[in-house]
PDB file of N, CA and C in Angstrom:
ATOM      1  N   MET A   1       0.846  -1.179   0.000  1.00  0.00           N
ATOM      2  CA  MET A   1       0.000   0.000   0.000  1.00  0.00           C
ATOM      3  C   MET A   1       0.890   1.240   0.000  1.00  0.00           C
ATOM      4  N   ASN A   2       0.564   2.217  -0.832  1.00  0.00           N
ATOM      5  CA  ASN A   2       1.319   3.450  -0.922  1.00  0.00           C
ATOM      6  C   ASN A   2       0.712   4.480   0.034  1.00  0.00           C
ATOM      7  N   ILE A   3       1.434   4.827   1.094  1.00  0.00           N
ATOM      8  CA  ILE A   3       0.909   5.742   2.109  1.00  0.00           C
ATOM      9  C   ILE A   3       0.657   7.127   1.539  1.00  0.00           C
ATOM     10  N   PHE A   4       1.470   7.558   0.544  1.00  0.00           N
ATOM     11  CA  PHE A   4       1.237   8.858  -0.091  1.00  0.00           C
ATOM     12  C   PHE A   4      -0.146   8.893  -0.723  1.00  0.00           C
ATOM     13  N   LYS A   5      -0.484   7.857  -1.487  1.00  0.00           N
ATOM     14  CA  LYS A   5      -1.783   7.798  -2.162  1.00  0.00           C
ATOM     15  C   LYS A   5      -2.914   7.707  -1.151  1.00  0.00           C
ATOM     16  N   THR A   6      -2.716   6.980  -0.076  1.00  0.00           N
ATOM     17  CA  THR A   6      -3.740   6.843   0.954  1.00  0.00           C
ATOM     18  C   THR A   6      -4.054   8.193   1.575  1.00  0.00           C
ATOM     19  N   PHE A   7      -3.019   8.947   1.940  1.00  0.00           N
ATOM     20  CA  PHE A   7      -3.249  10.244   2.577  1.00  0.00           C
ATOM     21  C   PHE A   7      -3.819  11.247   1.580  1.00  0.00           C
ATOM     22  N   GLU A   8      -3.371  11.200   0.317  1.00  0.00           N
ATOM     23  CA  GLU A   8      -3.925  12.089  -0.704  1.00  0.00           C
ATOM     24  C   GLU A   8      -5.409  11.800  -0.906  1.00  0.00           C
ATOM     25  N   THR A   9      -5.782  10.535  -0.910  1.00  0.00           N
ATOM     26  CA  THR A   9      -7.188  10.163  -1.035  1.00  0.00           C
ATOM     27  C   THR A   9      -7.977  10.676   0.151  1.00  0.00           C
ATOM     28  N   PHE A  10      -7.410  10.556   1.339  1.00  0.00           N
ATOM     29  CA  PHE A  10      -8.051  11.044   2.560  1.00  0.00           C
ATOM     30  C   PHE A  10      -8.311  12.552   2.464  1.00  0.00           C
ATOM     31  N   LEU A  11      -7.342  13.299   1.941  1.00  0.00           N
ATOM     32  CA  LEU A  11      -7.508  14.741   1.813  1.00  0.00           C
ATOM     33  C   LEU A  11      -8.555  15.119   0.770  1.00  0.00           C
ATOM     34  N   LYS A  12      -8.804  14.251  -0.204  1.00  0.00           N
ATOM     35  CA  LYS A  12      -9.779  14.537  -1.246  1.00  0.00           C
ATOM     36  C   LYS A  12     -11.215  14.293  -0.785  1.00  0.00           C
ATOM     37  N   GLU A  13     -11.382  13.554   0.291  1.00  0.00           N
ATOM     38  CA  GLU A  13     -12.723  13.241   0.774  1.00  0.00           C
ATOM     39  C   GLU A  13     -13.458  14.528   1.150  1.00  0.00           C
ATOM     40  N   PRO A  14     -14.769  14.605   0.871  1.00  0.00           N
ATOM     41  CA  PRO A  14     -15.530  15.826   1.147  1.00  0.00           C
ATOM     42  C   PRO A  14     -15.912  15.955   2.623  1.00  0.00           C
ATOM     43  N   LEU A  15     -14.938  15.919   3.474  1.00  0.00           N
ATOM     44  CA  LEU A  15     -15.177  16.061   4.900  1.00  0.00           C
ATOM     45  C   LEU A  15     -15.007  17.520   5.286  1.00  0.00           C
ATOM     46  N   SER A  16     -15.972  18.092   5.965  1.00  0.00           N
ATOM     47  CA  SER A  16     -15.904  19.514   6.293  1.00  0.00           C
ATOM     48  C   SER A  16     -14.707  19.843   7.177  1.00  0.00           C
ATOM     49  N   ILE A  17     -14.291  18.926   8.022  1.00  0.00           N
ATOM     50  CA  ILE A  17     -13.151  19.210   8.903  1.00  0.00           C
ATOM     51  C   ILE A  17     -11.874  19.382   8.092  1.00  0.00           C
ATOM     52  N   LEU A  18     -11.791  18.744   6.935  1.00  0.00           N
ATOM     53  CA  LEU A  18     -10.600  18.869   6.107  1.00  0.00           C
ATOM     54  C   LEU A  18     -10.738  19.980   5.068  1.00  0.00           C
ATOM     55  N   LYS A  19     -11.919  20.182   4.537  1.00  0.00           N
ATOM     56  CA  LYS A  19     -12.108  21.149   3.461  1.00  0.00           C
ATOM     57  C   LYS A  19     -12.301  22.572   3.969  1.00  0.00           C
ATOM     58  N   ASN A  20     -12.989  22.730   5.079  1.00  0.00           N
ATOM     59  CA  ASN A  20     -13.378  24.068   5.521  1.00  0.00           C
ATOM     60  C   ASN A  20     -12.574  24.581   6.705  1.00  0.00           C
ATOM     61  N   ASN A  21     -11.694  23.796   7.220  1.00  0.00           N
ATOM     62  CA  ASN A  21     -10.992  24.188   8.430  1.00  0.00           C
ATOM     63  C   ASN A  21      -9.481  24.104   8.272  1.00  0.00           C
ATOM     64  N   PHE A  22      -8.806  24.634   9.230  1.00  0.00           N
ATOM     65  CA  PHE A  22      -7.351  24.685   9.267  1.00  0.00           C
ATOM     66  C   PHE A  22      -6.809  23.362   9.813  1.00  0.00           C
ATOM     67  N   ILE A  23      -5.807  22.807   9.142  1.00  0.00           N
ATOM     68  CA  ILE A  23      -5.161  21.579   9.615  1.00  0.00           C
ATOM     69  C   ILE A  23      -3.739  21.924  10.026  1.00  0.00           C
ATOM     70  N   GLN A  24      -3.391  21.583  11.246  1.00  0.00           N
ATOM     71  CA  GLN A  24      -2.050  21.850  11.768  1.00  0.00           C
ATOM     72  C   GLN A  24      -1.391  20.515  12.092  1.00  0.00           C
ATOM     73  N   ILE A  25      -0.155  20.340  11.614  1.00  0.00           N
ATOM     74  CA  ILE A  25       0.596  19.113  11.887  1.00  0.00           C
ATOM     75  C   ILE A  25       1.786  19.492  12.765  1.00  0.00           C
ATOM     76  N   VAL A  26       1.910  18.824  13.905  1.00  0.00           N
ATOM     77  CA  VAL A  26       2.938  19.153  14.886  1.00  0.00           C
ATOM     78  C   VAL A  26       3.820  17.935  15.128  1.00  0.00           C
ATOM     79  N   SER A  27       5.127  18.153  15.149  1.00  0.00           N
ATOM     80  CA  SER A  27       6.080  17.088  15.469  1.00  0.00           C
ATOM     81  C   SER A  27       6.573  17.299  16.894  1.00  0.00           C
ATOM     82  N   ILE A  28       6.497  16.262  17.697  1.00  0.00           N
ATOM     83  CA  ILE A  28       6.971  16.308  19.077  1.00  0.00           C
ATOM     84  C   ILE A  28       8.030  15.235  19.249  1.00  0.00           C
ATOM     85  N   GLN A  29       9.235  15.646  19.639  1.00  0.00           N
ATOM     86  CA  GLN A  29      10.330  14.702  19.884  1.00  0.00           C
ATOM     87  C   GLN A  29      10.629  14.703  21.378  1.00  0.00           C
ATOM     88  N   THR A  30      10.535  13.550  22.001  1.00  0.00           N
ATOM     89  CA  THR A  30      10.823  13.463  23.429  1.00  0.00           C
ATOM     90  C   THR A  30      12.223  12.905  23.634  1.00  0.00           C
ATOM     91  N   GLY A  31      12.802  13.206  24.778  1.00  0.00           N
ATOM     92  CA  GLY A  31      14.166  12.788  25.064  1.00  0.00           C
ATOM     93  C   GLY A  31      14.332  11.293  25.227  1.00  0.00           C
ATOM     94  N   ASN A  32      13.417  10.652  25.884  1.00  0.00           N
ATOM     95  CA  ASN A  32      13.519   9.224  26.173  1.00  0.00           C
ATOM     96  C   ASN A  32      12.526   8.461  25.297  1.00  0.00           C
ATOM     97  N   ILE A  33      13.011   7.897  24.176  1.00  0.00           N
ATOM     98  CA  ILE A  33      12.102   7.205  23.256  1.00  0.00           C
ATOM     99  C   ILE A  33      11.567   5.893  23.830  1.00  0.00           C
ATOM    100  N   PHE A  34      12.216   5.354  24.860  1.00  0.00           N
ATOM    101  CA  PHE A  34      11.720   4.124  25.472  1.00  0.00           C
ATOM    102  C   PHE A  34      10.512   4.415  26.346  1.00  0.00           C
ATOM    103  N   GLU A  35      10.440   5.626  26.866  1.00  0.00           N
ATOM    104  CA  GLU A  35       9.334   6.031  27.715  1.00  0.00           C
ATOM    105  C   GLU A  35       8.109   6.412  26.870  1.00  0.00           C
ATOM    106  N   HIS A  36       8.358   7.039  25.727  1.00  0.00           N
ATOM    107  CA  HIS A  36       7.286   7.511  24.848  1.00  0.00           C
ATOM    108  C   HIS A  36       7.462   6.899  23.467  1.00  0.00           C
ATOM    109  N   LYS A  37       6.692   5.864  23.186  1.00  0.00           N
ATOM    110  CA  LYS A  37       6.771   5.199  21.888  1.00  0.00           C
ATOM    111  C   LYS A  37       6.196   6.104  20.801  1.00  0.00           C
ATOM    112  N   PRO A  38       6.623   5.911  19.544  1.00  0.00           N
ATOM    113  CA  PRO A  38       6.076   6.706  18.446  1.00  0.00           C
ATOM    114  C   PRO A  38       4.558   6.546  18.367  1.00  0.00           C
ATOM    115  N   SER A  39       3.862   7.673  18.155  1.00  0.00           N
ATOM    116  CA  SER A  39       2.411   7.616  18.037  1.00  0.00           C
ATOM    117  C   SER A  39       1.903   8.830  17.278  1.00  0.00           C
ATOM    118  N   ILE A  40       0.640   8.758  16.906  1.00  0.00           N
ATOM    119  CA  ILE A  40      -0.041   9.865  16.234  1.00  0.00           C
ATOM    120  C   ILE A  40      -1.339  10.118  16.980  1.00  0.00           C
ATOM    121  N   ASP A  41      -1.582  11.398  17.276  1.00  0.00           N
ATOM    122  CA  ASP A  41      -2.794  11.797  17.989  1.00  0.00           C
ATOM    123  C   ASP A  41      -3.481  12.884  17.165  1.00  0.00           C
ATOM    124  N   VAL A  42      -4.777  12.750  16.954  1.00  0.00           N
ATOM    125  CA  VAL A  42      -5.529  13.746  16.196  1.00  0.00           C
ATOM    126  C   VAL A  42      -6.541  14.396  17.120  1.00  0.00           C
ATOM    127  N   SER A  43      -6.521  15.730  17.150  1.00  0.00           N
ATOM    128  CA  SER A  43      -7.478  16.499  17.941  1.00  0.00           C
ATOM    129  C   SER A  43      -8.342  17.312  16.995  1.00  0.00           C
ATOM    130  N   LEU A  44      -9.644  17.120  17.076  1.00  0.00           N
ATOM    131  CA  LEU A  44     -10.582  17.883  16.245  1.00  0.00           C
ATOM    132  C   LEU A  44     -11.231  18.947  17.110  1.00  0.00           C
ATOM    133  N   MET A  45     -11.093  20.204  16.685  1.00  0.00           N
ATOM    134  CA  MET A  45     -11.688  21.320  17.387  1.00  0.00           C
ATOM    135  C   MET A  45     -12.707  21.986  16.475  1.00  0.00           C
ATOM    136  N   LYS A  46     -13.367  23.017  16.952  1.00  0.00           N
ATOM    137  CA  LYS A  46     -14.443  23.648  16.188  1.00  0.00           C
ATOM    138  C   LYS A  46     -13.999  24.089  14.796  1.00  0.00           C
ATOM    139  N   ASP A  47     -12.865  24.776  14.708  1.00  0.00           N
ATOM    140  CA  ASP A  47     -12.464  25.333  13.423  1.00  0.00           C
ATOM    141  C   ASP A  47     -11.107  24.839  12.937  1.00  0.00           C
ATOM    142  N   ARG A  48     -10.596  23.763  13.531  1.00  0.00           N
ATOM    143  CA  ARG A  48      -9.308  23.252  13.074  1.00  0.00           C
ATOM    144  C   ARG A  48      -9.111  21.804  13.531  1.00  0.00           C
ATOM    145  N   ALA A  49      -8.160  21.174  12.896  1.00  0.00           N
ATOM    146  CA  ALA A  49      -7.739  19.828  13.281  1.00  0.00           C
ATOM    147  C   ALA A  49      -6.242  19.881  13.524  1.00  0.00           C
ATOM    148  N   GLN A  50      -5.795  19.238  14.573  1.00  0.00           N
ATOM    149  CA  GLN A  50      -4.367  19.197  14.863  1.00  0.00           C
ATOM    150  C   GLN A  50      -3.924  17.746  14.924  1.00  0.00           C
ATOM    151  N   ILE A  51      -2.858  17.442  14.172  1.00  0.00           N
ATOM    152  CA  ILE A  51      -2.291  16.102  14.160  1.00  0.00           C
ATOM    153  C   ILE A  51      -0.941  16.179  14.861  1.00  0.00           C
ATOM    154  N   ASN A  52      -0.810  15.507  15.998  1.00  0.00           N
ATOM    155  CA  ASN A  52       0.444  15.460  16.748  1.00  0.00           C
ATOM    156  C   ASN A  52       1.167  14.159  16.429  1.00  0.00           C
ATOM    157  N   VAL A  53       2.372  14.282  15.887  1.00  0.00           N
ATOM    158  CA  VAL A  53       3.184  13.117  15.562  1.00  0.00           C
ATOM    159  C   VAL A  53       4.303  13.071  16.603  1.00  0.00           C
ATOM    160  N   ILE A  54       4.304  12.024  17.405  1.00  0.00           N
ATOM    161  CA  ILE A  54       5.249  11.922  18.519  1.00  0.00           C
ATOM    162  C   ILE A  54       6.335  10.913  18.190  1.00  0.00           C
ATOM    163  N   ASN A  55       7.586  11.384  18.258  1.00  0.00           N
ATOM    164  CA  ASN A  55       8.775  10.547  18.047  1.00  0.00           C
ATOM    165  C   ASN A  55       8.778   9.804  16.710  1.00  0.00           C
ATOM    166  N   ASN A  56       8.310  10.465  15.645  1.00  0.00           N
ATOM    167  CA  ASN A  56       8.345   9.834  14.340  1.00  0.00           C
ATOM    168  C   ASN A  56       8.478  10.921  13.274  1.00  0.00           C
ATOM    169  N   GLU A  57       9.693  11.352  13.053  1.00  0.00           N
ATOM    170  CA  GLU A  57       9.967  12.437  12.120  1.00  0.00           C
ATOM    171  C   GLU A  57       9.596  12.070  10.683  1.00  0.00           C
ATOM    172  N   LYS A  58       9.741  10.796  10.314  1.00  0.00           N
ATOM    173  CA  LYS A  58       9.404  10.364   8.954  1.00  0.00           C
ATOM    174  C   LYS A  58       7.913  10.550   8.677  1.00  0.00           C
ATOM    175  N   VAL A  59       7.072  10.182   9.625  1.00  0.00           N
ATOM    176  CA  VAL A  59       5.628  10.343   9.439  1.00  0.00           C
ATOM    177  C   VAL A  59       5.273  11.823   9.398  1.00  0.00           C
ATOM    178  N   PHE A  60       5.892  12.623  10.254  1.00  0.00           N
ATOM    179  CA  PHE A  60       5.655  14.062  10.238  1.00  0.00           C
ATOM    180  C   PHE A  60       6.003  14.654   8.875  1.00  0.00           C
ATOM    181  N   ASN A  61       7.167  14.297   8.356  1.00  0.00           N
ATOM    182  CA  ASN A  61       7.588  14.804   7.049  1.00  0.00           C
ATOM    183  C   ASN A  61       6.630  14.361   5.952  1.00  0.00           C
ATOM    184  N   LEU A  62       6.184  13.122   6.016  1.00  0.00           N
ATOM    185  CA  LEU A  62       5.240  12.591   5.039  1.00  0.00           C
ATOM    186  C   LEU A  62       3.925  13.370   5.063  1.00  0.00           C
ATOM    187  N   LEU A  63       3.353  13.549   6.236  1.00  0.00           N
ATOM    188  CA  LEU A  63       2.092  14.269   6.355  1.00  0.00           C
ATOM    189  C   LEU A  63       2.243  15.720   5.907  1.00  0.00           C
ATOM    190  N   SER A  64       3.344  16.345   6.275  1.00  0.00           N
ATOM    191  CA  SER A  64       3.591  17.734   5.875  1.00  0.00           C
ATOM    192  C   SER A  64       3.712  17.853   4.361  1.00  0.00           C
ATOM    193  N   LEU A  65       4.437  16.941   3.752  1.00  0.00           N
ATOM    194  CA  LEU A  65       4.631  16.965   2.301  1.00  0.00           C
ATOM    195  C   LEU A  65       3.315  16.794   1.554  1.00  0.00           C
ATOM    196  N   VAL A  66       2.528  15.839   1.950  1.00  0.00           N
ATOM    197  CA  VAL A  66       1.260  15.579   1.268  1.00  0.00           C
ATOM    198  C   VAL A  66       0.301  16.751   1.472  1.00  0.00           C
ATOM    199  N   THR A  67       0.294  17.340   2.655  1.00  0.00           N
ATOM    200  CA  THR A  67      -0.556  18.502   2.921  1.00  0.00           C
ATOM    201  C   THR A  67      -0.130  19.682   2.060  1.00  0.00           C
ATOM    202  N   GLN A  68       1.174  19.889   1.926  1.00  0.00           N
ATOM    203  CA  GLN A  68       1.679  20.973   1.080  1.00  0.00           C
ATOM    204  C   GLN A  68       1.299  20.749  -0.381  1.00  0.00           C
ATOM    205  N   ARG A  69       1.394  19.508  -0.846  1.00  0.00           N
ATOM    206  CA  ARG A  69       1.009  19.190  -2.228  1.00  0.00           C
ATOM    207  C   ARG A  69      -0.473  19.466  -2.456  1.00  0.00           C
ATOM    208  N   ALA A  70      -1.302  19.067  -1.503  1.00  0.00           N
ATOM    209  CA  ALA A  70      -2.743  19.283  -1.640  1.00  0.00           C
ATOM    210  C   ALA A  70      -3.058  20.782  -1.671  1.00  0.00           C
ATOM    211  N   GLU A  71      -2.398  21.567  -0.850  1.00  0.00           N
ATOM    212  CA  GLU A  71      -2.618  23.011  -0.831  1.00  0.00           C
ATOM    213  C   GLU A  71      -2.160  23.646  -2.140  1.00  0.00           C
ATOM    214  N   LYS A  72      -1.046  23.184  -2.667  1.00  0.00           N
ATOM    215  CA  LYS A  72      -0.538  23.705  -3.934  1.00  0.00           C
ATOM    216  C   LYS A  72      -1.523  23.411  -5.067  1.00  0.00           C
ATOM    217  N   LYS A  73      -2.068  22.194  -5.099  1.00  0.00           N
ATOM    218  CA  LYS A  73      -3.057  21.833  -6.126  1.00  0.00           C
ATOM    219  C   LYS A  73      -4.315  22.692  -5.981  1.00  0.00           C
ATOM    220  N   ARG A  74      -4.737  22.924  -4.748  1.00  0.00           N
ATOM    221  CA  ARG A  74      -5.930  23.738  -4.503  1.00  0.00           C
ATOM    222  C   ARG A  74      -5.714  25.163  -5.017  1.00  0.00           C
ATOM    223  N   LEU A  75      -4.544  25.740  -4.739  1.00  0.00           N
ATOM    224  CA  LEU A  75      -4.240  27.092  -5.193  1.00  0.00           C
ATOM    225  C   LEU A  75      -4.155  27.172  -6.717  1.00  0.00           C
ATOM    226  N   GLN A  76      -3.588  26.139  -7.350  1.00  0.00           N
ATOM    227  CA  GLN A  76      -3.511  26.116  -8.814  1.00  0.00           C
ATOM    228  C   GLN A  76      -4.906  26.073  -9.427  1.00  0.00           C
ATOM    229  N   LYS A  77      -5.795  25.265  -8.867  1.00  0.00           N
ATOM    230  CA  LYS A  77      -7.165  25.189  -9.368  1.00  0.00           C
ATOM    231  C   LYS A  77      -7.882  26.522  -9.191  1.00  0.00           C
ATOM    232  N   GLN A  78      -7.646  27.163  -8.056  1.00  0.00           N
ATOM    233  CA  GLN A  78      -8.254  28.463  -7.788  1.00  0.00           C
ATOM    234  C   GLN A  78      -7.763  29.507  -8.799  1.00  0.00           C
ATOM    235  N   GLU A  79      -6.476  29.493  -9.096  1.00  0.00           N
ATOM    236  CA  GLU A  79      -5.919  30.424 -10.078  1.00  0.00           C
ATOM    237  C   GLU A  79      -6.484  30.161 -11.477  1.00  0.00           C
ATOM    238  N   GLU A  80      -6.654  28.891 -11.827  1.00  0.00           N
ATOM    239  CA  GLU A  80      -7.234  28.532 -13.128  1.00  0.00           C
ATOM    240  C   GLU A  80      -8.648  29.059 -13.246  1.00  0.00           C
ATOM    241  N   LYS A  81      -9.432  28.942 -12.189  1.00  0.00           N
ATOM    242  CA  LYS A  81     -10.811  29.434 -12.202  1.00  0.00           C
ATOM    243  C   LYS A  81     -10.837  30.949 -12.349  1.00  0.00           C
ATOM    244  N   GLU A  82      -9.909  31.633 -11.680  1.00  0.00           N
ATOM    245  CA  GLU A  82      -9.842  33.088 -11.767  1.00  0.00           C
ATOM    246  C   GLU A  82      -9.487  33.532 -13.185  1.00  0.00           C
ATOM    247  N   HIS A  83      -8.573  32.809 -13.839  1.00  0.00           N
ATOM    248  CA  HIS A  83      -8.179  33.144 -15.211  1.00  0.00           C
ATOM    249  C   HIS A  83      -9.318  32.891 -16.187  1.00  0.00           C
ATOM    250  N   GLU A  84     -10.089  31.835 -15.940  1.00  0.00           N
ATOM    251  CA  GLU A  84     -11.218  31.519 -16.812  1.00  0.00           C
ATOM    252  C   GLU A  84     -12.308  32.575 -16.709  1.00  0.00           C
ATOM    253  N   SER A  85     -12.538  33.086 -15.525  1.00  0.00           N
ATOM    254  CA  SER A  85     -13.597  34.070 -15.336  1.00  0.00           C
ATOM    255  C   SER A  85     -13.180  35.476 -15.778  1.00  0.00           C
ATOM    256  N   ALA A  86     -11.888  35.700 -15.954  1.00  0.00           N
ATOM    257  CA  ALA A  86     -11.416  37.041 -16.353  1.00  0.00           C
ATOM    258  C   ALA A  86     -11.546  37.292 -17.830  1.00  0.00           C
TER     259      ALA A  86
END
């Protein structure tokens, strides 16, 4: 399974928490990795979602990259629509 494609598909879903709200991805690195195993925690609030990635820099980078790609595609589509209407 390609995790990039999975997350891109997830971002395409018509979920209001993803489409209409702010998504923040946070990386947390703790000093003692034996005490705090790698994990992912998602907090959904009224106007935003926060994804906390603990002790897993690779997953943080992956989520950040895919989110940046999705935002870039969204902006390109928005610019195309503006050019068409002008």
